[in-house]
Amino acid sequence: MSKTLLIAALMAVSISPASAAPVGVTLSDLHFGRSDQGVREIEGVVKNVSHHTLRQVYIAVNLLKNGMVVGYTTDIVFDLKPHEEWHIAAPCHTRIFKPTHFSLDQLSVVE
């Protein structure tokens, strides 16, 4: 199974109906990456597919190692315009364990 398909499968399992992507946004390409400064982070793209500005979009991700939560990370954007994309860059700061997987905990929108 390719890395992209594996992540898509993990996201599908991790997102319950209560935390599915809110109407008006799409979430894609969620993966581990590195910032320009070398910090490990969760990266991805949220797109406003609605016809109005979203006041706030928030994402929370659990960081996992061997199936255990070893940390979490969040990112937020304000005033996401219609059809605009937001490139998520949520740093993975953990004290002891380096995460090997992640699961989406929350994706919420304030209109």
C-alpha atoms as a PDB file:
ATOM      1  CA  MET A   1       0.000   0.000   0.000  1.00  0.00           C
ATOM      2  CA  SER A   2       1.435   3.397  -0.910  1.00  0.00           C
ATOM      3  CA  LYS A   3       2.161   6.016   1.759  1.00  0.00           C
ATOM      4  CA  THR A   4      -0.624   8.275   0.437  1.00  0.00           C
ATOM      5  CA  LEU A   5      -3.186   5.452   0.456  1.00  0.00           C
ATOM      6  CA  LEU A   6      -2.099   4.413   3.954  1.00  0.00           C
ATOM      7  CA  ILE A   7      -2.563   7.948   5.267  1.00  0.00           C
ATOM      8  CA  ALA A   8      -5.945   8.206   3.528  1.00  0.00           C
ATOM      9  CA  ALA A   9      -6.980   4.890   5.084  1.00  0.00           C
ATOM     10  CA  LEU A  10      -5.810   6.002   8.535  1.00  0.00           C
ATOM     11  CA  MET A  11      -7.712   9.271   8.181  1.00  0.00           C
ATOM     12  CA  ALA A  12     -10.870   7.457   7.083  1.00  0.00           C
ATOM     13  CA  VAL A  13     -10.665   5.207  10.144  1.00  0.00           C
ATOM     14  CA  SER A  14      -9.770   8.074  12.473  1.00  0.00           C
ATOM     15  CA  ILE A  15     -12.565  10.456  11.466  1.00  0.00           C
ATOM     16  CA  SER A  16     -15.856   9.674  13.139  1.00  0.00           C
ATOM     17  CA  PRO A  17     -19.122  11.118  11.794  1.00  0.00           C
ATOM     18  CA  ALA A  18     -19.068  13.727  14.574  1.00  0.00           C
ATOM     19  CA  SER A  19     -15.632  14.974  13.498  1.00  0.00           C
ATOM     20  CA  ALA A  20     -15.957  14.616   9.714  1.00  0.00           C
ATOM     21  CA  ALA A  21     -14.943  17.635   7.660  1.00  0.00           C
ATOM     22  CA  PRO A  22     -17.490  20.411   8.178  1.00  0.00           C
ATOM     23  CA  VAL A  23     -19.594  21.554   5.250  1.00  0.00           C
ATOM     24  CA  GLY A  24     -17.740  24.225   3.294  1.00  0.00           C
ATOM     25  CA  VAL A  25     -14.194  22.863   3.650  1.00  0.00           C
ATOM     26  CA  THR A  26     -12.142  20.003   2.262  1.00  0.00           C
ATOM     27  CA  LEU A  27      -9.047  18.461   3.859  1.00  0.00           C
ATOM     28  CA  SER A  28      -6.368  16.811   1.740  1.00  0.00           C
ATOM     29  CA  ASP A  29      -2.769  15.615   1.718  1.00  0.00           C
ATOM     30  CA  LEU A  30      -2.331  15.348   5.510  1.00  0.00           C
ATOM     31  CA  HIS A  31       1.209  14.050   6.170  1.00  0.00           C
ATOM     32  CA  PHE A  32       4.403  14.410   8.209  1.00  0.00           C
ATOM     33  CA  GLY A  33       6.767  17.070   6.861  1.00  0.00           C
ATOM     34  CA  ARG A  34       9.519  19.453   7.965  1.00  0.00           C
ATOM     35  CA  SER A  35       9.489  23.219   8.278  1.00  0.00           C
ATOM     36  CA  ASP A  36      12.177  25.386   6.686  1.00  0.00           C
ATOM     37  CA  GLN A  37      13.884  25.347  10.115  1.00  0.00           C
ATOM     38  CA  GLY A  38      13.857  21.514  10.234  1.00  0.00           C
ATOM     39  CA  VAL A  39      11.023  21.125  12.760  1.00  0.00           C
ATOM     40  CA  ARG A  40       8.835  18.059  12.156  1.00  0.00           C
ATOM     41  CA  GLU A  41       5.223  19.044  11.515  1.00  0.00           C
ATOM     42  CA  ILE A  42       1.869  17.864  10.253  1.00  0.00           C
ATOM     43  CA  GLU A  43       1.228  19.406   6.867  1.00  0.00           C
ATOM     44  CA  GLY A  44      -1.833  19.401   4.662  1.00  0.00           C
ATOM     45  CA  VAL A  45      -4.296  21.572   2.795  1.00  0.00           C
ATOM     46  CA  VAL A  46      -7.707  22.865   3.835  1.00  0.00           C
ATOM     47  CA  LYS A  47      -9.761  24.543   1.127  1.00  0.00           C
ATOM     48  CA  ASN A  48     -12.775  26.781   1.626  1.00  0.00           C
ATOM     49  CA  VAL A  49     -15.201  25.403  -0.957  1.00  0.00           C
ATOM     50  CA  SER A  50     -18.029  27.695   0.165  1.00  0.00           C
ATOM     51  CA  HIS A  51     -19.010  31.063  -1.265  1.00  0.00           C
ATOM     52  CA  HIS A  52     -18.369  33.018   1.946  1.00  0.00           C
ATOM     53  CA  THR A  53     -15.426  33.838   4.214  1.00  0.00           C
ATOM     54  CA  LEU A  54     -14.913  31.471   7.165  1.00  0.00           C
ATOM     55  CA  ARG A  55     -14.017  33.372  10.333  1.00  0.00           C
ATOM     56  CA  GLN A  56     -11.967  30.512  11.798  1.00  0.00           C
ATOM     57  CA  VAL A  57     -10.827  27.015  10.798  1.00  0.00           C
ATOM     58  CA  TYR A  58      -9.137  24.867  13.467  1.00  0.00           C
ATOM     59  CA  ILE A  59      -7.432  21.487  13.252  1.00  0.00           C
ATOM     60  CA  ALA A  60      -6.255  19.221  16.088  1.00  0.00           C
ATOM     61  CA  VAL A  61      -4.163  16.090  15.476  1.00  0.00           C
ATOM     62  CA  ASN A  62      -3.163  13.333  17.919  1.00  0.00           C
ATOM     63  CA  LEU A  63       0.448  12.174  17.523  1.00  0.00           C
ATOM     64  CA  LEU A  64       0.848   8.410  17.906  1.00  0.00           C
ATOM     65  CA  LYS A  65       3.618   5.869  18.526  1.00  0.00           C
ATOM     66  CA  ASN A  66       2.757   2.151  18.655  1.00  0.00           C
ATOM     67  CA  GLY A  67      -0.934   3.059  18.849  1.00  0.00           C
ATOM     68  CA  MET A  68      -0.477   5.285  21.909  1.00  0.00           C
ATOM     69  CA  VAL A  69      -1.029   9.037  21.969  1.00  0.00           C
ATOM     70  CA  VAL A  70       2.345  10.661  22.711  1.00  0.00           C
ATOM     71  CA  GLY A  71       1.359  14.249  21.956  1.00  0.00           C
ATOM     72  CA  TYR A  72      -0.892  16.479  19.940  1.00  0.00           C
ATOM     73  CA  THR A  73      -0.636  19.472  17.683  1.00  0.00           C
ATOM     74  CA  THR A  74      -2.996  22.163  16.466  1.00  0.00           C
ATOM     75  CA  ASP A  75      -3.176  24.860  13.845  1.00  0.00           C
ATOM     76  CA  ILE A  76      -5.677  27.614  13.154  1.00  0.00           C
ATOM     77  CA  VAL A  77      -6.415  30.128  10.433  1.00  0.00           C
ATOM     78  CA  PHE A  78      -8.675  33.171  10.482  1.00  0.00           C
ATOM     79  CA  ASP A  79     -10.723  34.720   7.657  1.00  0.00           C
ATOM     80  CA  LEU A  80     -10.299  32.014   5.035  1.00  0.00           C
ATOM     81  CA  LYS A  81     -11.772  33.544   1.884  1.00  0.00           C
ATOM     82  CA  PRO A  82     -14.049  31.676  -0.570  1.00  0.00           C
ATOM     83  CA  HIS A  83     -12.106  29.083  -2.599  1.00  0.00           C
ATOM     84  CA  GLU A  84      -8.859  29.990  -0.775  1.00  0.00           C
ATOM     85  CA  GLU A  85      -6.470  27.249   0.434  1.00  0.00           C
ATOM     86  CA  TRP A  86      -4.787  27.110   3.827  1.00  0.00           C
ATOM     87  CA  HIS A  87      -1.547  25.153   4.095  1.00  0.00           C
ATOM     88  CA  ILE A  88      -1.452  23.535   7.524  1.00  0.00           C
ATOM     89  CA  ALA A  89       1.898  23.552   9.359  1.00  0.00           C
ATOM     90  CA  ALA A  90       1.338  22.164  12.869  1.00  0.00           C
ATOM     91  CA  PRO A  91       4.634  21.494  14.721  1.00  0.00           C
ATOM     92  CA  CYS A  92       5.140  18.068  16.359  1.00  0.00           C
ATOM     93  CA  HIS A  93       6.718  18.937  19.702  1.00  0.00           C
ATOM     94  CA  THR A  94       6.976  15.862  21.937  1.00  0.00           C
ATOM     95  CA  ARG A  95       9.290  15.450  24.904  1.00  0.00           C
ATOM     96  CA  ILE A  96      10.250  11.775  24.826  1.00  0.00           C
ATOM     97  CA  PHE A  97       8.687   9.795  21.981  1.00  0.00           C
ATOM     98  CA  LYS A  98       8.852  10.661  18.305  1.00  0.00           C
ATOM     99  CA  PRO A  99       5.481   9.958  16.694  1.00  0.00           C
ATOM    100  CA  THR A 100       5.299   7.467  13.841  1.00  0.00           C
ATOM    101  CA  HIS A 101       1.624   8.006  12.979  1.00  0.00           C
ATOM    102  CA  PHE A 102      -1.125  10.510  13.608  1.00  0.00           C
ATOM    103  CA  SER A 103      -4.908  10.719  13.663  1.00  0.00           C
ATOM    104  CA  LEU A 104      -7.160  13.662  12.992  1.00  0.00           C
ATOM    105  CA  ASP A 105      -8.970  14.568  16.204  1.00  0.00           C
ATOM    106  CA  GLN A 106     -10.877  17.675  15.169  1.00  0.00           C
ATOM    107  CA  LEU A 107     -11.534  19.889  12.162  1.00  0.00           C
ATOM    108  CA  SER A 108     -13.924  22.704  12.975  1.00  0.00           C
ATOM    109  CA  VAL A 109     -15.218  25.846  11.300  1.00  0.00           C
ATOM    110  CA  VAL A 110     -16.645  29.066  12.706  1.00  0.00           C
ATOM    111  CA  GLU A 111     -18.561  30.924  10.025  1.00  0.00           C
END
